[in-house]
Amino acid sequence: MSRVNFQELLDAGAHFGHLKRKWNPAMAPYIFMEKNGIHIIDLHKTVAKVDEAANALKQIAKSGRKILFVATKKQAKDILAEQVKKINMPYVSERWSGGMLTNFPTVRKAVKKMSSFDKMEQDGTLDHLSKRERLQVDRQRSKLTKNLGSIADLTRLPAALFVIDVQKEKIAVAEAHRLQIPVFAMVDTNSDPNIVDYAIPCNDDAAKAISLVLGAVCDAIQEGLAERKAEKDKEPAEGEEKPAKGGKKSAAKKVASTEDEAEAEAEEANENETEESAE
């Protein structure tokens, strides 16, 4: 069963593309028709592409790796933050800082600095600073929290990128390409679907359409995380049935000692036979 259906996408306005004069020819396979100078997206292909992307993201989540979500446009940022928080994945909704992926060690240093400010507040170190110094720390911390707070748990490069509007987030897409990180994206008729690995043809300006597609993707990731947890919980139970550590070795030693005893008895019997024949 599909994660989204044709009627849901139609009601959300996912089929509305951009004006004909703004189209990208590479989107031709996903365009159903033109009406009143506006391209209409083929929603049957959107349904198939949502399922394809969702299944791929589910496997990534099941493997225990992180997926970074990116959407800084006004109509998408709040929806992204709300839905992605539920699955505990990192996201960027304010501003994409250049080098966030290609210069990741520096970004991690900034995140650690943000954490150190929080620690200073907890242990009371900030209370010993002057008013001016404390104001400077508060400003730095608020700026870092706004831009990097949502990726504080991202300790290494993400396994995939999910982008809403590849035109607006072209720097993020370019960095992902450079590092060979697969890119999943909602692609409108004015964008090139060939620059991403998994393109979902859809209206990336309609809040309802964004919410619908993002919801389907997040549900798939949640399923992957649940399956991973179930497998982890199952492992100890199976481990209890296995022999204790060293059990195989002890069994092997028993077999070896039995074979040694049998060889010793055979040698002793041969010696007795030799002595009897000599007599």
Protein backbone atom coordinates (compact mmCIF):
# COMPACT_ATOMS: atom_id res chain seq x y z
CA MET A 1 0.00 0.00 0.00
CA SER A 2 1.28 3.47 -0.92
CA ARG A 3 2.29 5.88 1.85
CA VAL A 4 0.36 8.70 0.17
CA ASN A 5 -2.51 8.46 -2.28
CA PHE A 6 -3.48 10.46 -5.36
CA GLN A 7 -6.47 12.16 -3.74
CA GLU A 8 -4.50 13.36 -0.70
CA LEU A 9 -1.87 14.93 -2.94
CA LEU A 10 -4.55 16.50 -5.12
CA ASP A 11 -6.31 18.03 -2.10
CA ALA A 12 -2.99 19.37 -0.82
CA GLY A 13 -2.27 21.13 -4.13
CA ALA A 14 0.84 19.04 -4.79
CA HIS A 15 0.08 19.00 -8.54
CA PHE A 16 0.57 22.73 -9.14
CA GLY A 17 3.91 23.51 -10.75
CA HIS A 18 5.44 26.83 -11.81
CA LEU A 19 4.66 28.96 -14.85
CA LYS A 20 5.56 27.38 -18.17
CA ARG A 21 8.23 30.01 -18.87
CA LYS A 22 10.01 29.10 -15.62
CA TRP A 23 10.13 25.35 -16.17
CA ASN A 24 13.21 23.15 -16.32
CA PRO A 25 13.13 20.81 -19.37
CA ALA A 26 14.59 17.99 -17.25
CA MET A 27 11.23 17.86 -15.40
CA ALA A 28 9.36 16.93 -18.61
CA PRO A 29 8.88 13.24 -17.62
CA TYR A 30 7.01 14.32 -14.47
CA ILE A 31 4.72 16.91 -16.07
CA PHE A 32 1.19 15.73 -16.90
CA MET A 33 -0.07 18.77 -18.81
CA GLU A 34 -0.15 22.54 -19.06
CA LYS A 35 -3.18 24.52 -17.94
CA ASN A 36 -3.54 28.32 -18.10
CA GLY A 37 0.21 28.70 -18.54
CA ILE A 38 0.99 26.56 -15.45
CA HIS A 39 2.51 23.09 -15.54
CA ILE A 40 0.58 20.31 -13.78
CA ILE A 41 2.64 17.57 -12.11
CA ASP A 42 1.75 13.90 -12.72
CA LEU A 43 0.72 12.82 -9.21
CA HIS A 44 0.81 9.10 -10.09
CA LYS A 45 4.57 9.48 -10.48
CA THR A 46 4.72 11.50 -7.26
CA VAL A 47 3.07 8.62 -5.35
CA ALA A 48 5.62 6.15 -6.75
CA LYS A 49 8.57 8.43 -5.98
CA VAL A 50 7.40 9.07 -2.41
CA ASP A 51 7.27 5.32 -1.79
CA GLU A 52 10.70 4.80 -3.35
CA ALA A 53 12.31 7.55 -1.26
CA ALA A 54 10.51 6.51 1.94
CA ASN A 55 11.67 2.89 1.62
CA ALA A 56 15.28 3.95 1.03
CA LEU A 57 15.20 6.30 4.05
CA LYS A 58 13.65 3.56 6.18
CA GLN A 59 16.64 1.29 5.47
CA ILE A 60 19.10 4.07 6.33
CA ALA A 61 17.32 4.71 9.65
CA LYS A 62 17.22 0.97 10.35
CA SER A 63 21.01 0.83 9.93
CA GLY A 64 21.34 3.38 12.75
CA ARG A 65 22.66 6.27 10.66
CA LYS A 66 21.43 9.87 10.70
CA ILE A 67 19.49 11.73 8.01
CA LEU A 68 19.86 15.52 7.86
CA PHE A 69 16.73 17.47 6.85
CA VAL A 70 17.11 20.90 5.24
CA ALA A 71 14.38 23.51 4.63
CA THR A 72 14.97 27.20 5.22
CA LYS A 73 12.09 28.65 3.19
CA LYS A 74 9.37 30.37 5.20
CA GLN A 75 6.47 28.01 4.40
CA ALA A 76 8.51 24.86 5.12
CA LYS A 77 10.80 25.60 8.08
CA ASP A 78 8.19 25.34 10.87
CA ILE A 79 6.61 22.20 9.40
CA LEU A 80 10.06 20.61 9.10
CA ALA A 81 11.05 21.43 12.68
CA GLU A 82 7.76 20.11 14.08
CA GLN A 83 7.80 16.78 12.23
CA VAL A 84 11.51 15.98 12.35
CA LYS A 85 11.73 16.58 16.12
CA LYS A 86 9.34 13.63 16.59
CA ILE A 87 11.82 11.19 15.01
CA ASN A 88 14.87 12.74 16.70
CA MET A 89 16.78 13.50 13.51
CA PRO A 90 19.00 16.55 12.88
CA TYR A 91 17.63 19.40 10.76
CA VAL A 92 18.49 22.88 9.49
CA SER A 93 15.60 25.33 9.31
CA GLU A 94 17.23 28.73 9.83
CA ARG A 95 20.21 29.21 7.56
CA TRP A 96 22.57 26.83 5.85
CA SER A 97 26.07 27.77 6.97
CA GLY A 98 28.53 27.29 4.11
CA GLY A 99 30.83 24.35 4.84
CA MET A 100 28.40 22.67 7.24
CA LEU A 101 29.26 19.34 5.59
CA THR A 102 32.55 19.97 3.78
CA ASN A 103 34.04 21.67 6.86
CA PHE A 104 32.31 19.50 9.41
CA PRO A 105 35.12 19.43 12.06
CA THR A 106 34.84 23.23 12.42
CA VAL A 107 31.06 22.96 12.82
CA ARG A 108 31.56 20.35 15.54
CA LYS A 109 33.89 22.75 17.38
CA ALA A 110 31.14 25.41 17.30
CA VAL A 111 28.64 22.89 18.67
CA LYS A 112 31.05 21.96 21.48
CA LYS A 113 31.50 25.66 22.25
CA MET A 114 27.72 25.98 22.53
CA SER A 115 27.67 23.02 24.92
CA SER A 116 30.43 24.60 27.01
CA PHE A 117 28.28 27.76 27.42
CA ASP A 118 25.42 25.61 28.71
CA LYS A 119 27.78 23.88 31.12
CA MET A 120 29.05 27.25 32.37
CA GLU A 121 25.50 28.27 33.20
CA GLN A 122 24.80 25.01 35.04
CA ASP A 123 27.92 25.05 37.22
CA GLY A 124 27.55 28.75 38.03
CA THR A 125 30.65 29.97 36.17
CA LEU A 126 28.62 32.67 34.42
CA ASP A 127 27.72 34.22 37.77
CA HIS A 128 31.38 35.14 38.30
CA LEU A 129 31.66 37.02 35.01
CA SER A 130 31.14 40.73 34.61
CA LYS A 131 27.86 42.00 33.17
CA ARG A 132 29.52 42.82 29.85
CA GLU A 133 31.21 39.41 29.53
CA ARG A 134 28.00 37.61 30.40
CA LEU A 135 26.10 39.59 27.75
CA GLN A 136 28.68 38.61 25.14
CA VAL A 137 28.39 34.93 26.10
CA ASP A 138 24.57 35.09 25.94
CA ARG A 139 24.70 36.63 22.46
CA GLN A 140 27.13 34.01 21.18
CA ARG A 141 25.14 31.19 22.70
CA SER A 142 21.80 32.39 21.29
CA LYS A 143 23.35 32.75 17.82
CA LEU A 144 24.90 29.28 17.94
CA THR A 145 21.71 27.73 19.30
CA LYS A 146 19.63 29.31 16.54
CA ASN A 147 21.89 28.07 13.73
CA LEU A 148 23.36 24.86 15.14
CA GLY A 149 21.13 23.82 18.02
CA SER A 150 19.14 21.40 15.86
CA ILE A 151 22.29 19.50 14.79
CA ALA A 152 23.86 19.22 18.25
CA ASP A 153 23.43 15.42 18.18
CA LEU A 154 25.06 15.06 14.76
CA THR A 155 28.48 13.73 15.80
CA ARG A 156 29.50 12.61 12.29
CA LEU A 157 28.51 13.29 8.70
CA PRO A 158 24.92 12.27 7.89
CA ALA A 159 24.20 9.21 5.74
CA ALA A 160 21.68 11.15 3.63
CA LEU A 161 20.21 14.61 3.05
CA PHE A 162 16.50 15.38 2.65
CA VAL A 163 15.93 18.77 1.01
CA ILE A 164 12.82 20.82 0.33
CA ASP A 165 13.42 23.06 -2.72
CA VAL A 166 16.75 22.20 -4.34
CA GLN A 167 16.92 25.68 -5.90
CA LYS A 168 17.01 27.42 -2.54
CA GLU A 169 19.24 24.81 -0.88
CA LYS A 170 21.69 24.47 -3.78
CA ILE A 171 24.73 24.98 -1.51
CA ALA A 172 23.66 22.09 0.72
CA VAL A 173 23.09 19.87 -2.33
CA ALA A 174 26.49 20.81 -3.79
CA GLU A 175 28.26 19.96 -0.52
CA ALA A 176 26.47 16.61 -0.33
CA HIS A 177 27.55 15.81 -3.92
CA ARG A 178 31.13 16.65 -3.10
CA LEU A 179 31.09 14.20 -0.18
CA GLN A 180 29.02 11.61 -2.12
CA ILE A 181 26.14 11.80 0.33
CA PRO A 182 22.83 10.70 -1.29
CA VAL A 183 20.27 13.50 -1.62
CA PHE A 184 16.49 13.08 -1.35
CA ALA A 185 14.43 16.11 -2.39
CA MET A 186 11.04 17.54 -3.21
CA VAL A 187 11.52 18.90 -6.73
CA ASP A 188 9.22 21.44 -8.42
CA THR A 189 8.90 22.07 -12.17
CA ASN A 190 11.51 24.86 -12.09
CA SER A 191 14.27 22.58 -10.76
CA ASP A 192 16.57 19.90 -12.17
CA PRO A 193 15.68 16.45 -10.76
CA ASN A 194 18.96 14.98 -12.06
CA ILE A 195 21.07 16.73 -9.41
CA VAL A 196 19.52 14.62 -6.64
CA ASP A 197 19.52 10.84 -6.12
CA TYR A 198 15.85 10.52 -5.17
CA ALA A 199 13.61 13.19 -6.68
CA ILE A 200 9.99 13.57 -5.53
CA PRO A 201 8.10 15.67 -8.14
CA CYS A 202 5.84 17.90 -6.07
CA ASN A 203 4.80 21.47 -5.39
CA ASP A 204 7.45 22.61 -2.90
CA ASP A 205 5.68 25.89 -2.09
CA ALA A 206 2.37 24.55 -0.73
CA ALA A 207 2.49 24.03 3.04
CA LYS A 208 -0.08 21.19 2.91
CA ALA A 209 1.88 19.32 0.22
CA ILE A 210 5.14 19.73 2.16
CA SER A 211 3.47 18.48 5.35
CA LEU A 212 1.97 15.46 3.57
CA VAL A 213 5.19 14.30 1.90
CA LEU A 214 7.32 15.03 4.95
CA GLY A 215 4.85 13.14 7.14
CA ALA A 216 5.08 10.05 4.91
CA VAL A 217 8.88 10.18 4.96
CA CYS A 218 9.07 10.66 8.74
CA ASP A 219 6.66 7.75 9.29
CA ALA A 220 8.92 5.51 7.19
CA ILE A 221 11.97 6.57 9.21
CA GLN A 222 10.07 5.92 12.44
CA GLU A 223 9.30 2.40 11.19
CA GLY A 224 12.99 1.84 10.46
CA LEU A 225 13.97 3.00 13.95
CA ALA A 226 11.30 0.76 15.53
CA GLU A 227 12.55 -2.27 13.58
CA ARG A 228 16.12 -1.53 14.64
CA LYS A 229 15.04 -1.35 18.29
CA ALA A 230 13.09 -4.60 17.98
CA GLU A 231 16.13 -6.37 16.53
CA LYS A 232 18.35 -5.06 19.32
CA ASP A 233 15.88 -6.23 21.95
CA LYS A 234 15.74 -9.64 20.30
CA GLU A 235 19.51 -10.19 20.25
CA PRO A 236 20.03 -10.67 24.04
CA ALA A 237 17.15 -13.16 24.17
CA GLU A 238 18.74 -15.22 21.42
CA GLY A 239 22.15 -14.89 23.06
CA GLU A 240 20.87 -16.59 26.24
CA GLU A 241 20.23 -19.80 24.32
CA LYS A 242 23.79 -19.87 22.97
CA PRO A 243 26.47 -21.74 24.97
CA ALA A 244 28.51 -19.68 27.42
CA LYS A 245 31.74 -18.14 26.27
CA GLY A 246 34.40 -20.78 26.09
CA GLY A 247 31.83 -23.59 25.90
CA LYS A 248 33.00 -24.70 22.48
CA LYS A 249 36.62 -24.68 23.63
CA SER A 250 35.85 -26.79 26.70
CA ALA A 251 33.92 -29.26 24.56
CA ALA A 252 36.84 -29.43 22.15
CA LYS A 253 39.24 -30.07 25.05
CA LYS A 254 37.03 -32.94 26.25
CA VAL A 255 37.07 -34.50 22.78
CA ALA A 256 40.83 -34.05 22.53
CA SER A 257 41.45 -35.64 25.95
CA THR A 258 39.20 -38.59 25.04
CA GLU A 259 41.15 -39.11 21.82
CA ASP A 260 44.46 -38.94 23.74
CA GLU A 261 43.24 -41.55 26.23
CA ALA A 262 42.16 -43.86 23.39
CA GLU A 263 45.57 -43.50 21.68
CA ALA A 264 47.38 -44.24 24.96
CA GLU A 265 45.29 -47.37 25.52
CA ALA A 266 45.97 -48.56 21.95
CA GLU A 267 49.73 -48.04 22.39
CA GLU A 268 49.70 -49.93 25.70
CA ALA A 269 47.83 -52.84 24.08
CA ASN A 270 50.35 -52.98 21.22
CA GLU A 271 53.25 -53.06 23.70
CA ASN A 272 51.64 -55.93 25.63
CA GLU A 273 51.14 -57.89 22.40
CA THR A 274 54.81 -57.34 21.44
CA GLU A 275 56.02 -58.55 24.87
CA GLU A 276 53.82 -61.65 24.71
CA SER A 277 55.07 -62.58 21.22
CA ALA A 278 58.71 -62.07 22.37
CA GLU A 279 58.20 -64.48 25.26
